[in-house]
Amino acid sequence: VQMYTGKADWDTIKSVKEAVNIPVIGNGD
């Protein structure tokens, strides 16, 4: 819904990184 507007939620990226053992690539802002 945000498309490319607003602010990227880095907390969700952090939660993903904490939840898996494969490499996580963060994207946004």
mmCIF file of all heavy atoms, coordinates in Angstrom:
data_MODEL
# 
_entry.id   MODEL 
# 
loop_
_atom_site.group_PDB 
_atom_site.id 
_atom_site.type_symbol 
_atom_site.label_atom_id 
_atom_site.label_alt_id 
_atom_site.label_comp_id 
_atom_site.label_asym_id 
_atom_site.label_entity_id 
_atom_site.label_seq_id 
_atom_site.pdbx_PDB_ins_code 
_atom_site.Cartn_x 
_atom_site.Cartn_y 
_atom_site.Cartn_z 
_atom_site.occupancy 
_atom_site.B_iso_or_equiv 
_atom_site.pdbx_formal_charge 
_atom_site.auth_seq_id 
_atom_site.auth_comp_id 
_atom_site.auth_asym_id 
_atom_site.auth_atom_id 
_atom_site.pdbx_PDB_model_num 
ATOM 1   N N   . VAL A 1 1  ? 0.830  -1.208  0.000  1.00 0.00 ? 1  VAL A N   1 
ATOM 2   C CA  . VAL A 1 1  ? 0.000  0.000   0.000  1.00 0.00 ? 1  VAL A CA  1 
ATOM 3   C C   . VAL A 1 1  ? 0.865  1.259   0.000  1.00 0.00 ? 1  VAL A C   1 
ATOM 4   O O   . VAL A 1 1  ? 0.539  2.256   -0.647 1.00 0.00 ? 1  VAL A O   1 
ATOM 5   C CB  . VAL A 1 1  ? -0.969 -0.006  1.215  1.00 0.00 ? 1  VAL A CB  1 
ATOM 6   C CG1 . VAL A 1 1  ? -1.641 1.349   1.392  1.00 0.00 ? 1  VAL A CG1 1 
ATOM 7   C CG2 . VAL A 1 1  ? -2.018 -1.106  1.030  1.00 0.00 ? 1  VAL A CG2 1 
ATOM 8   N N   . GLN A 1 2  ? 1.995  1.215   0.694  1.00 0.00 ? 2  GLN A N   1 
ATOM 9   C CA  . GLN A 1 2  ? 2.899  2.370   0.723  1.00 0.00 ? 2  GLN A CA  1 
ATOM 10  C C   . GLN A 1 2  ? 3.551  2.648   -0.626 1.00 0.00 ? 2  GLN A C   1 
ATOM 11  O O   . GLN A 1 2  ? 3.983  3.769   -0.882 1.00 0.00 ? 2  GLN A O   1 
ATOM 12  C CB  . GLN A 1 2  ? 4.027  2.131   1.744  1.00 0.00 ? 2  GLN A CB  1 
ATOM 13  C CG  . GLN A 1 2  ? 3.659  2.393   3.181  1.00 0.00 ? 2  GLN A CG  1 
ATOM 14  C CD  . GLN A 1 2  ? 4.871  2.185   4.081  1.00 0.00 ? 2  GLN A CD  1 
ATOM 15  O OE1 . GLN A 1 2  ? 5.199  1.060   4.427  1.00 0.00 ? 2  GLN A OE1 1 
ATOM 16  N NE2 . GLN A 1 2  ? 5.550  3.264   4.438  1.00 0.00 ? 2  GLN A NE2 1 
ATOM 17  N N   . MET A 1 3  ? 3.662  1.617   -1.470 1.00 0.00 ? 3  MET A N   1 
ATOM 18  C CA  . MET A 1 3  ? 4.410  1.726   -2.730 1.00 0.00 ? 3  MET A CA  1 
ATOM 19  C C   . MET A 1 3  ? 5.839  2.200   -2.408 1.00 0.00 ? 3  MET A C   1 
ATOM 20  O O   . MET A 1 3  ? 6.568  1.510   -1.753 1.00 0.00 ? 3  MET A O   1 
ATOM 21  C CB  . MET A 1 3  ? 3.695  2.674   -3.707 1.00 0.00 ? 3  MET A CB  1 
ATOM 22  C CG  . MET A 1 3  ? 2.313  2.195   -4.111 1.00 0.00 ? 3  MET A CG  1 
ATOM 23  S SD  . MET A 1 3  ? 2.288  0.716   -5.128 1.00 0.00 ? 3  MET A SD  1 
ATOM 24  C CE  . MET A 1 3  ? 2.746  1.375   -6.728 1.00 0.00 ? 3  MET A CE  1 
ATOM 25  N N   . TYR A 1 4  ? 6.184  3.430   -2.840 1.00 0.00 ? 4  TYR A N   1 
ATOM 26  C CA  . TYR A 1 4  ? 7.532  3.966   -2.557 1.00 0.00 ? 4  TYR A CA  1 
ATOM 27  C C   . TYR A 1 4  ? 7.460  5.229   -1.704 1.00 0.00 ? 4  TYR A C   1 
ATOM 28  O O   . TYR A 1 4  ? 8.401  6.012   -1.662 1.00 0.00 ? 4  TYR A O   1 
ATOM 29  C CB  . TYR A 1 4  ? 8.271  4.240   -3.869 1.00 0.00 ? 4  TYR A CB  1 
ATOM 30  C CG  . TYR A 1 4  ? 8.486  2.981   -4.672 1.00 0.00 ? 4  TYR A CG  1 
ATOM 31  C CD1 . TYR A 1 4  ? 7.641  2.667   -5.721 1.00 0.00 ? 4  TYR A CD1 1 
ATOM 32  C CD2 . TYR A 1 4  ? 9.510  2.092   -4.348 1.00 0.00 ? 4  TYR A CD2 1 
ATOM 33  C CE1 . TYR A 1 4  ? 7.815  1.484   -6.442 1.00 0.00 ? 4  TYR A CE1 1 
ATOM 34  C CE2 . TYR A 1 4  ? 9.694  0.920   -5.060 1.00 0.00 ? 4  TYR A CE2 1 
ATOM 35  C CZ  . TYR A 1 4  ? 8.838  0.623   -6.107 1.00 0.00 ? 4  TYR A CZ  1 
ATOM 36  O OH  . TYR A 1 4  ? 9.008  -0.537  -6.813 1.00 0.00 ? 4  TYR A OH  1 
ATOM 37  N N   . THR A 1 5  ? 6.338  5.407   -1.009 1.00 0.00 ? 5  THR A N   1 
ATOM 38  C CA  . THR A 1 5  ? 6.145  6.600   -0.185 1.00 0.00 ? 5  THR A CA  1 
ATOM 39  C C   . THR A 1 5  ? 6.363  6.270   1.285  1.00 0.00 ? 5  THR A C   1 
ATOM 40  O O   . THR A 1 5  ? 6.510  5.104   1.668  1.00 0.00 ? 5  THR A O   1 
ATOM 41  C CB  . THR A 1 5  ? 4.723  7.159   -0.371 1.00 0.00 ? 5  THR A CB  1 
ATOM 42  O OG1 . THR A 1 5  ? 3.776  6.188   0.111  1.00 0.00 ? 5  THR A OG1 1 
ATOM 43  C CG2 . THR A 1 5  ? 4.436  7.455   -1.833 1.00 0.00 ? 5  THR A CG2 1 
ATOM 44  N N   . GLY A 1 6  ? 6.358  7.325   2.103  1.00 0.00 ? 6  GLY A N   1 
ATOM 45  C CA  . GLY A 1 6  ? 6.504  7.110   3.537  1.00 0.00 ? 6  GLY A CA  1 
ATOM 46  C C   . GLY A 1 6  ? 7.882  6.613   3.913  1.00 0.00 ? 6  GLY A C   1 
ATOM 47  O O   . GLY A 1 6  ? 8.823  6.643   3.118  1.00 0.00 ? 6  GLY A O   1 
ATOM 48  N N   . LYS A 1 7  ? 7.982  6.138   5.122  1.00 0.00 ? 7  LYS A N   1 
ATOM 49  C CA  . LYS A 1 7  ? 9.280  5.702   5.660  1.00 0.00 ? 7  LYS A CA  1 
ATOM 50  C C   . LYS A 1 7  ? 9.356  4.182   5.697  1.00 0.00 ? 7  LYS A C   1 
ATOM 51  O O   . LYS A 1 7  ? 8.382  3.509   6.024  1.00 0.00 ? 7  LYS A O   1 
ATOM 52  C CB  . LYS A 1 7  ? 9.443  6.271   7.081  1.00 0.00 ? 7  LYS A CB  1 
ATOM 53  C CG  . LYS A 1 7  ? 10.836 6.111   7.646  1.00 0.00 ? 7  LYS A CG  1 
ATOM 54  C CD  . LYS A 1 7  ? 10.922 6.768   9.028  1.00 0.00 ? 7  LYS A CD  1 
ATOM 55  C CE  . LYS A 1 7  ? 12.320 6.600   9.598  1.00 0.00 ? 7  LYS A CE  1 
ATOM 56  N NZ  . LYS A 1 7  ? 12.421 7.114   10.972 1.00 0.00 ? 7  LYS A NZ  1 
ATOM 57  N N   . ALA A 1 8  ? 10.528 3.652   5.342  1.00 0.00 ? 8  ALA A N   1 
ATOM 58  C CA  . ALA A 1 8  ? 10.740 2.202   5.418  1.00 0.00 ? 8  ALA A CA  1 
ATOM 59  C C   . ALA A 1 8  ? 10.833 1.758   6.871  1.00 0.00 ? 8  ALA A C   1 
ATOM 60  O O   . ALA A 1 8  ? 11.440 2.435   7.702  1.00 0.00 ? 8  ALA A O   1 
ATOM 61  C CB  . ALA A 1 8  ? 12.006 1.810   4.666  1.00 0.00 ? 8  ALA A CB  1 
ATOM 62  N N   . ASP A 1 9  ? 10.219 0.625   7.168  1.00 0.00 ? 9  ASP A N   1 
ATOM 63  C CA  . ASP A 1 9  ? 10.190 0.089   8.529  1.00 0.00 ? 9  ASP A CA  1 
ATOM 64  C C   . ASP A 1 9  ? 11.369 -0.855  8.735  1.00 0.00 ? 9  ASP A C   1 
ATOM 65  O O   . ASP A 1 9  ? 11.313 -2.029  8.385  1.00 0.00 ? 9  ASP A O   1 
ATOM 66  C CB  . ASP A 1 9  ? 8.857  -0.646  8.733  1.00 0.00 ? 9  ASP A CB  1 
ATOM 67  C CG  . ASP A 1 9  ? 8.782  -1.346  10.076 1.00 0.00 ? 9  ASP A CG  1 
ATOM 68  O OD1 . ASP A 1 9  ? 9.609  -1.032  10.965 1.00 0.00 ? 9  ASP A OD1 1 
ATOM 69  O OD2 . ASP A 1 9  ? 7.903  -2.214  10.246 1.00 0.00 ? 9  ASP A OD2 1 
ATOM 70  N N   . TRP A 1 10 ? 12.434 -0.318  9.302  1.00 0.00 ? 10 TRP A N   1 
ATOM 71  C CA  . TRP A 1 10 ? 13.627 -1.133  9.537  1.00 0.00 ? 10 TRP A CA  1 
ATOM 72  C C   . TRP A 1 10 ? 13.438 -2.122  10.681 1.00 0.00 ? 10 TRP A C   1 
ATOM 73  O O   . TRP A 1 10 ? 14.141 -3.133  10.748 1.00 0.00 ? 10 TRP A O   1 
ATOM 74  C CB  . TRP A 1 10 ? 14.828 -0.223  9.812  1.00 0.00 ? 10 TRP A CB  1 
ATOM 75  C CG  . TRP A 1 10 ? 15.288 0.555   8.615  1.00 0.00 ? 10 TRP A CG  1 
ATOM 76  C CD1 . TRP A 1 10 ? 14.732 0.558   7.365  1.00 0.00 ? 10 TRP A CD1 1 
ATOM 77  C CD2 . TRP A 1 10 ? 16.412 1.436   8.554  1.00 0.00 ? 10 TRP A CD2 1 
ATOM 78  N NE1 . TRP A 1 10 ? 15.443 1.395   6.525  1.00 0.00 ? 10 TRP A NE1 1 
ATOM 79  C CE2 . TRP A 1 10 ? 16.473 1.947   7.237  1.00 0.00 ? 10 TRP A CE2 1 
ATOM 80  C CE3 . TRP A 1 10 ? 17.364 1.845   9.476  1.00 0.00 ? 10 TRP A CE3 1 
ATOM 81  C CZ2 . TRP A 1 10 ? 17.462 2.852   6.830  1.00 0.00 ? 10 TRP A CZ2 1 
ATOM 82  C CZ3 . TRP A 1 10 ? 18.348 2.745   9.076  1.00 0.00 ? 10 TRP A CZ3 1 
ATOM 83  C CH2 . TRP A 1 10 ? 18.395 3.236   7.760  1.00 0.00 ? 10 TRP A CH2 1 
ATOM 84  N N   . ASP A 1 11 ? 12.480 -1.871  11.565 1.00 0.00 ? 11 ASP A N   1 
ATOM 85  C CA  . ASP A 1 11 ? 12.238 -2.803  12.676 1.00 0.00 ? 11 ASP A CA  1 
ATOM 86  C C   . ASP A 1 11 ? 11.795 -4.167  12.153 1.00 0.00 ? 11 ASP A C   1 
ATOM 87  O O   . ASP A 1 11 ? 12.157 -5.204  12.725 1.00 0.00 ? 11 ASP A O   1 
ATOM 88  C CB  . ASP A 1 11 ? 11.169 -2.247  13.633 1.00 0.00 ? 11 ASP A CB  1 
ATOM 89  C CG  . ASP A 1 11 ? 11.690 -1.090  14.460 1.00 0.00 ? 11 ASP A CG  1 
ATOM 90  O OD1 . ASP A 1 11 ? 12.922 -0.974  14.602 1.00 0.00 ? 11 ASP A OD1 1 
ATOM 91  O OD2 . ASP A 1 11 ? 10.868 -0.292  14.955 1.00 0.00 ? 11 ASP A OD2 1 
ATOM 92  N N   . THR A 1 12 ? 11.018 -4.159  11.071 1.00 0.00 ? 12 THR A N   1 
ATOM 93  C CA  . THR A 1 12 ? 10.586 -5.430  10.484 1.00 0.00 ? 12 THR A CA  1 
ATOM 94  C C   . THR A 1 12 ? 11.776 -6.174  9.887  1.00 0.00 ? 12 THR A C   1 
ATOM 95  O O   . THR A 1 12 ? 11.873 -7.405  9.994  1.00 0.00 ? 12 THR A O   1 
ATOM 96  C CB  . THR A 1 12 ? 9.506  -5.199  9.414  1.00 0.00 ? 12 THR A CB  1 
ATOM 97  O OG1 . THR A 1 12 ? 8.367  -4.583  10.029 1.00 0.00 ? 12 THR A OG1 1 
ATOM 98  C CG2 . THR A 1 12 ? 9.059  -6.508  8.777  1.00 0.00 ? 12 THR A CG2 1 
ATOM 99  N N   . ILE A 1 13 ? 12.692 -5.435  9.265  1.00 0.00 ? 13 ILE A N   1 
ATOM 100 C CA  . ILE A 1 13 ? 13.912 -6.056  8.730  1.00 0.00 ? 13 ILE A CA  1 
ATOM 101 C C   . ILE A 1 13 ? 14.693 -6.708  9.880  1.00 0.00 ? 13 ILE A C   1 
ATOM 102 O O   . ILE A 1 13 ? 15.179 -7.840  9.755  1.00 0.00 ? 13 ILE A O   1 
ATOM 103 C CB  . ILE A 1 13 ? 14.777 -5.025  7.997  1.00 0.00 ? 13 ILE A CB  1 
ATOM 104 C CG1 . ILE A 1 13 ? 14.008 -4.423  6.809  1.00 0.00 ? 13 ILE A CG1 1 
ATOM 105 C CG2 . ILE A 1 13 ? 16.091 -5.645  7.527  1.00 0.00 ? 13 ILE A CG2 1 
ATOM 106 C CD1 . ILE A 1 13 ? 14.704 -3.252  6.134  1.00 0.00 ? 13 ILE A CD1 1 
ATOM 107 N N   . LYS A 1 14 ? 14.799 -5.997  10.990 1.00 0.00 ? 14 LYS A N   1 
ATOM 108 C CA  . LYS A 1 14 ? 15.490 -6.536  12.172 1.00 0.00 ? 14 LYS A CA  1 
ATOM 109 C C   . LYS A 1 14 ? 14.811 -7.810  12.665 1.00 0.00 ? 14 LYS A C   1 
ATOM 110 O O   . LYS A 1 14 ? 15.479 -8.806  12.985 1.00 0.00 ? 14 LYS A O   1 
ATOM 111 C CB  . LYS A 1 14 ? 15.501 -5.481  13.283 1.00 0.00 ? 14 LYS A CB  1 
ATOM 112 C CG  . LYS A 1 14 ? 16.196 -5.941  14.555 1.00 0.00 ? 14 LYS A CG  1 
ATOM 113 C CD  . LYS A 1 14 ? 16.139 -4.876  15.640 1.00 0.00 ? 14 LYS A CD  1 
ATOM 114 C CE  . LYS A 1 14 ? 16.843 -5.361  16.898 1.00 0.00 ? 14 LYS A CE  1 
ATOM 115 N NZ  . LYS A 1 14 ? 16.756 -4.361  17.991 1.00 0.00 ? 14 LYS A NZ  1 
ATOM 116 N N   . SER A 1 15 ? 13.476 -7.808  12.708 1.00 0.00 ? 15 SER A N   1 
ATOM 117 C CA  . SER A 1 15 ? 12.734 -8.986  13.172 1.00 0.00 ? 15 SER A CA  1 
ATOM 118 C C   . SER A 1 15 ? 12.962 -10.182 12.261 1.00 0.00 ? 15 SER A C   1 
ATOM 119 O O   . SER A 1 15 ? 13.080 -11.322 12.724 1.00 0.00 ? 15 SER A O   1 
ATOM 120 C CB  . SER A 1 15 ? 11.234 -8.669  13.250 1.00 0.00 ? 15 SER A CB  1 
ATOM 121 O OG  . SER A 1 15 ? 10.993 -7.649  14.195 1.00 0.00 ? 15 SER A OG  1 
ATOM 122 N N   . VAL A 1 16 ? 13.028 -9.919  10.954 1.00 0.00 ? 16 VAL A N   1 
ATOM 123 C CA  . VAL A 1 16 ? 13.295 -10.996 10.000 1.00 0.00 ? 16 VAL A CA  1 
ATOM 124 C C   . VAL A 1 16 ? 14.691 -11.570 10.239 1.00 0.00 ? 16 VAL A C   1 
ATOM 125 O O   . VAL A 1 16 ? 14.884 -12.790 10.276 1.00 0.00 ? 16 VAL A O   1 
ATOM 126 C CB  . VAL A 1 16 ? 13.140 -10.495 8.548  1.00 0.00 ? 16 VAL A CB  1 
ATOM 127 C CG1 . VAL A 1 16 ? 13.713 -11.513 7.553  1.00 0.00 ? 16 VAL A CG1 1 
ATOM 128 C CG2 . VAL A 1 16 ? 11.676 -10.212 8.231  1.00 0.00 ? 16 VAL A CG2 1 
ATOM 129 N N   . LYS A 1 17 ? 15.667 -10.679 10.412 1.00 0.00 ? 17 LYS A N   1 
ATOM 130 C CA  . LYS A 1 17 ? 17.047 -11.132 10.635 1.00 0.00 ? 17 LYS A CA  1 
ATOM 131 C C   . LYS A 1 17 ? 17.142 -12.007 11.882 1.00 0.00 ? 17 LYS A C   1 
ATOM 132 O O   . LYS A 1 17 ? 17.874 -13.011 11.903 1.00 0.00 ? 17 LYS A O   1 
ATOM 133 C CB  . LYS A 1 17 ? 17.974 -9.913  10.754 1.00 0.00 ? 17 LYS A CB  1 
ATOM 134 C CG  . LYS A 1 17 ? 19.426 -10.239 11.101 1.00 0.00 ? 17 LYS A CG  1 
ATOM 135 C CD  . LYS A 1 17 ? 20.086 -11.120 10.052 1.00 0.00 ? 17 LYS A CD  1 
ATOM 136 C CE  . LYS A 1 17 ? 21.489 -11.531 10.484 1.00 0.00 ? 17 LYS A CE  1 
ATOM 137 N NZ  . LYS A 1 17 ? 22.063 -12.554 9.587  1.00 0.00 ? 17 LYS A NZ  1 
ATOM 138 N N   . GLU A 1 18 ? 16.399 -11.649 12.914 1.00 0.00 ? 18 GLU A N   1 
ATOM 139 C CA  . GLU A 1 18 ? 16.427 -12.414 14.161 1.00 0.00 ? 18 GLU A CA  1 
ATOM 140 C C   . GLU A 1 18 ? 15.723 -13.766 14.033 1.00 0.00 ? 18 GLU A C   1 
ATOM 141 O O   . GLU A 1 18 ? 15.962 -14.676 14.826 1.00 0.00 ? 18 GLU A O   1 
ATOM 142 C CB  . GLU A 1 18 ? 15.772 -11.598 15.281 1.00 0.00 ? 18 GLU A CB  1 
ATOM 143 C CG  . GLU A 1 18 ? 16.603 -10.389 15.706 1.00 0.00 ? 18 GLU A CG  1 
ATOM 144 C CD  . GLU A 1 18 ? 15.849 -9.447  16.637 1.00 0.00 ? 18 GLU A CD  1 
ATOM 145 O OE1 . GLU A 1 18 ? 14.618 -9.628  16.804 1.00 0.00 ? 18 GLU A OE1 1 
ATOM 146 O OE2 . GLU A 1 18 ? 16.492 -8.533  17.195 1.00 0.00 ? 18 GLU A OE2 1 
ATOM 147 N N   . ALA A 1 19 ? 14.873 -13.889 13.000 1.00 0.00 ? 19 ALA A N   1 
ATOM 148 C CA  . ALA A 1 19 ? 14.022 -15.083 12.892 1.00 0.00 ? 19 ALA A CA  1 
ATOM 149 C C   . ALA A 1 19 ? 14.573 -16.164 11.967 1.00 0.00 ? 19 ALA A C   1 
ATOM 150 O O   . ALA A 1 19 ? 14.061 -17.292 11.976 1.00 0.00 ? 19 ALA A O   1 
ATOM 151 C CB  . ALA A 1 19 ? 12.627 -14.667 12.413 1.00 0.00 ? 19 ALA A CB  1 
ATOM 152 N N   . VAL A 1 20 ? 15.593 -15.831 11.155 1.00 0.00 ? 20 VAL A N   1 
ATOM 153 C CA  . VAL A 1 20 ? 16.110 -16.817 10.194 1.00 0.00 ? 20 VAL A CA  1 
ATOM 154 C C   . VAL A 1 20 ? 17.629 -16.930 10.300 1.00 0.00 ? 20 VAL A C   1 
ATOM 155 O O   . VAL A 1 20 ? 18.293 -16.070 10.876 1.00 0.00 ? 20 VAL A O   1 
ATOM 156 C CB  . VAL A 1 20 ? 15.723 -16.443 8.738  1.00 0.00 ? 20 VAL A CB  1 
ATOM 157 C CG1 . VAL A 1 20 ? 14.211 -16.459 8.557  1.00 0.00 ? 20 VAL A CG1 1 
ATOM 158 C CG2 . VAL A 1 20 ? 16.306 -15.092 8.327  1.00 0.00 ? 20 VAL A CG2 1 
ATOM 159 N N   . ASN A 1 21 ? 18.162 -17.979 9.691  1.00 0.00 ? 21 ASN A N   1 
ATOM 160 C CA  . ASN A 1 21 ? 19.604 -18.209 9.704  1.00 0.00 ? 21 ASN A CA  1 
ATOM 161 C C   . ASN A 1 21 ? 20.257 -17.959 8.350  1.00 0.00 ? 21 ASN A C   1 
ATOM 162 O O   . ASN A 1 21 ? 21.480 -18.047 8.233  1.00 0.00 ? 21 ASN A O   1 
ATOM 163 C CB  . ASN A 1 21 ? 19.888 -19.655 10.151 1.00 0.00 ? 21 ASN A CB  1 
ATOM 164 C CG  . ASN A 1 21 ? 19.454 -19.899 11.586 1.00 0.00 ? 21 ASN A CG  1 
ATOM 165 O OD1 . ASN A 1 21 ? 19.828 -19.156 12.485 1.00 0.00 ? 21 ASN A OD1 1 
ATOM 166 N ND2 . ASN A 1 21 ? 18.641 -20.923 11.786 1.00 0.00 ? 21 ASN A ND2 1 
ATOM 167 N N   . ILE A 1 22 ? 19.456 -17.685 7.337  1.00 0.00 ? 22 ILE A N   1 
ATOM 168 C CA  . ILE A 1 22 ? 20.005 -17.362 6.014  1.00 0.00 ? 22 ILE A CA  1 
ATOM 169 C C   . ILE A 1 22 ? 20.291 -15.857 5.949  1.00 0.00 ? 22 ILE A C   1 
ATOM 170 O O   . ILE A 1 22 ? 19.761 -15.086 6.763  1.00 0.00 ? 22 ILE A O   1 
ATOM 171 C CB  . ILE A 1 22 ? 19.027 -17.771 4.889  1.00 0.00 ? 22 ILE A CB  1 
ATOM 172 C CG1 . ILE A 1 22 ? 17.643 -17.134 5.106  1.00 0.00 ? 22 ILE A CG1 1 
ATOM 173 C CG2 . ILE A 1 22 ? 18.938 -19.281 4.766  1.00 0.00 ? 22 ILE A CG2 1 
ATOM 174 C CD1 . ILE A 1 22 ? 16.647 -17.405 3.986  1.00 0.00 ? 22 ILE A CD1 1 
ATOM 175 N N   . PRO A 1 23 ? 21.144 -15.422 5.009  1.00 0.00 ? 23 PRO A N   1 
ATOM 176 C CA  . PRO A 1 23 ? 21.433 -13.990 4.904  1.00 0.00 ? 23 PRO A CA  1 
ATOM 177 C C   . PRO A 1 23 ? 20.173 -13.165 4.631  1.00 0.00 ? 23 PRO A C   1 
ATOM 178 O O   . PRO A 1 23 ? 19.286 -13.584 3.882  1.00 0.00 ? 23 PRO A O   1 
ATOM 179 C CB  . PRO A 1 23 ? 22.392 -13.912 3.713  1.00 0.00 ? 23 PRO A CB  1 
ATOM 180 C CG  . PRO A 1 23 ? 23.034 -15.250 3.659  1.00 0.00 ? 23 PRO A CG  1 
ATOM 181 C CD  . PRO A 1 23 ? 21.976 -16.217 4.093  1.00 0.00 ? 23 PRO A CD  1 
ATOM 182 N N   . VAL A 1 24 ? 20.112 -11.996 5.271  1.00 0.00 ? 24 VAL A N   1 
ATOM 183 C CA  . VAL A 1 24 ? 19.001 -11.063 5.091  1.00 0.00 ? 24 VAL A CA  1 
ATOM 184 C C   . VAL A 1 24 ? 19.551 -9.766  4.509  1.00 0.00 ? 24 VAL A C   1 
ATOM 185 O O   . VAL A 1 24 ? 20.504 -9.192  5.044  1.00 0.00 ? 24 VAL A O   1 
ATOM 186 C CB  . VAL A 1 24 ? 18.276 -10.790 6.429  1.00 0.00 ? 24 VAL A CB  1 
ATOM 187 C CG1 . VAL A 1 24 ? 17.230 -9.687  6.257  1.00 0.00 ? 24 VAL A CG1 1 
ATOM 188 C CG2 . VAL A 1 24 ? 17.626 -12.067 6.951  1.00 0.00 ? 24 VAL A CG2 1 
ATOM 189 N N   . ILE A 1 25 ? 18.952 -9.327  3.406  1.00 0.00 ? 25 ILE A N   1 
ATOM 190 C CA  . ILE A 1 25 ? 19.362 -8.093  2.726  1.00 0.00 ? 25 ILE A CA  1 
ATOM 191 C C   . ILE A 1 25 ? 18.296 -7.038  2.987  1.00 0.00 ? 25 ILE A C   1 
ATOM 192 O O   . ILE A 1 25 ? 17.126 -7.232  2.647  1.00 0.00 ? 25 ILE A O   1 
ATOM 193 C CB  . ILE A 1 25 ? 19.529 -8.339  1.215  1.00 0.00 ? 25 ILE A CB  1 
ATOM 194 C CG1 . ILE A 1 25 ? 20.570 -9.439  0.965  1.00 0.00 ? 25 ILE A CG1 1 
ATOM 195 C CG2 . ILE A 1 25 ? 19.919 -7.047  0.500  1.00 0.00 ? 25 ILE A CG2 1 
ATOM 196 C CD1 . ILE A 1 25 ? 20.535 -10.017 -0.442 1.00 0.00 ? 25 ILE A CD1 1 
ATOM 197 N N   . GLY A 1 26 ? 18.692 -5.939  3.622  1.00 0.00 ? 26 GLY A N   1 
ATOM 198 C CA  . GLY A 1 26 ? 17.755 -4.872  3.956  1.00 0.00 ? 26 GLY A CA  1 
ATOM 199 C C   . GLY A 1 26 ? 17.626 -3.866  2.833  1.00 0.00 ? 26 GLY A C   1 
ATOM 200 O O   . GLY A 1 26 ? 18.616 -3.474  2.215  1.00 0.00 ? 26 GLY A O   1 
ATOM 201 N N   . ASN A 1 27 ? 16.392 -3.420  2.576  1.00 0.00 ? 27 ASN A N   1 
ATOM 202 C CA  . ASN A 1 27 ? 16.110 -2.505  1.472  1.00 0.00 ? 27 ASN A CA  1 
ATOM 203 C C   . ASN A 1 27 ? 15.131 -1.418  1.929  1.00 0.00 ? 27 ASN A C   1 
ATOM 204 O O   . ASN A 1 27 ? 14.160 -1.713  2.602  1.00 0.00 ? 27 ASN A O   1 
ATOM 205 C CB  . ASN A 1 27 ? 15.526 -3.326  0.307  1.00 0.00 ? 27 ASN A CB  1 
ATOM 206 C CG  . ASN A 1 27 ? 15.194 -2.519  -0.938 1.00 0.00 ? 27 ASN A CG  1 
ATOM 207 O OD1 . ASN A 1 27 ? 14.292 -2.872  -1.679 1.00 0.00 ? 27 ASN A OD1 1 
ATOM 208 N ND2 . ASN A 1 27 ? 15.918 -1.447  -1.187 1.00 0.00 ? 27 ASN A ND2 1 
ATOM 209 N N   . GLY A 1 28 ? 15.456 -0.167  1.562  1.00 0.00 ? 28 GLY A N   1 
ATOM 210 C CA  . GLY A 1 28 ? 14.547 0.932   1.867  1.00 0.00 ? 28 GLY A CA  1 
ATOM 211 C C   . GLY A 1 28 ? 15.217 2.074   2.588  1.00 0.00 ? 28 GLY A C   1 
ATOM 212 O O   . GLY A 1 28 ? 15.759 1.912   3.676  1.00 0.00 ? 28 GLY A O   1 
ATOM 213 N N   . ASP A 1 29 ? 15.224 3.238   1.937  1.00 0.00 ? 29 ASP A N   1 
ATOM 214 C CA  . ASP A 1 29 ? 15.727 4.490   2.534  1.00 0.00 ? 29 ASP A CA  1 
ATOM 215 C C   . ASP A 1 29 ? 17.233 4.523   2.757  1.00 0.00 ? 29 ASP A C   1 
ATOM 216 O O   . ASP A 1 29 ? 17.718 5.203   3.665  1.00 0.00 ? 29 ASP A O   1 
ATOM 217 C CB  . ASP A 1 29 ? 15.006 4.797   3.862  1.00 0.00 ? 29 ASP A CB  1 
ATOM 218 C CG  . ASP A 1 29 ? 13.527 5.114   3.676  1.00 0.00 ? 29 ASP A CG  1 
ATOM 219 O OD1 . ASP A 1 29 ? 13.119 5.329   2.521  1.00 0.00 ? 29 ASP A OD1 1 
ATOM 220 O OD2 . ASP A 1 29 ? 12.795 5.136   4.680  1.00 0.00 ? 29 ASP A OD2 1 
# 
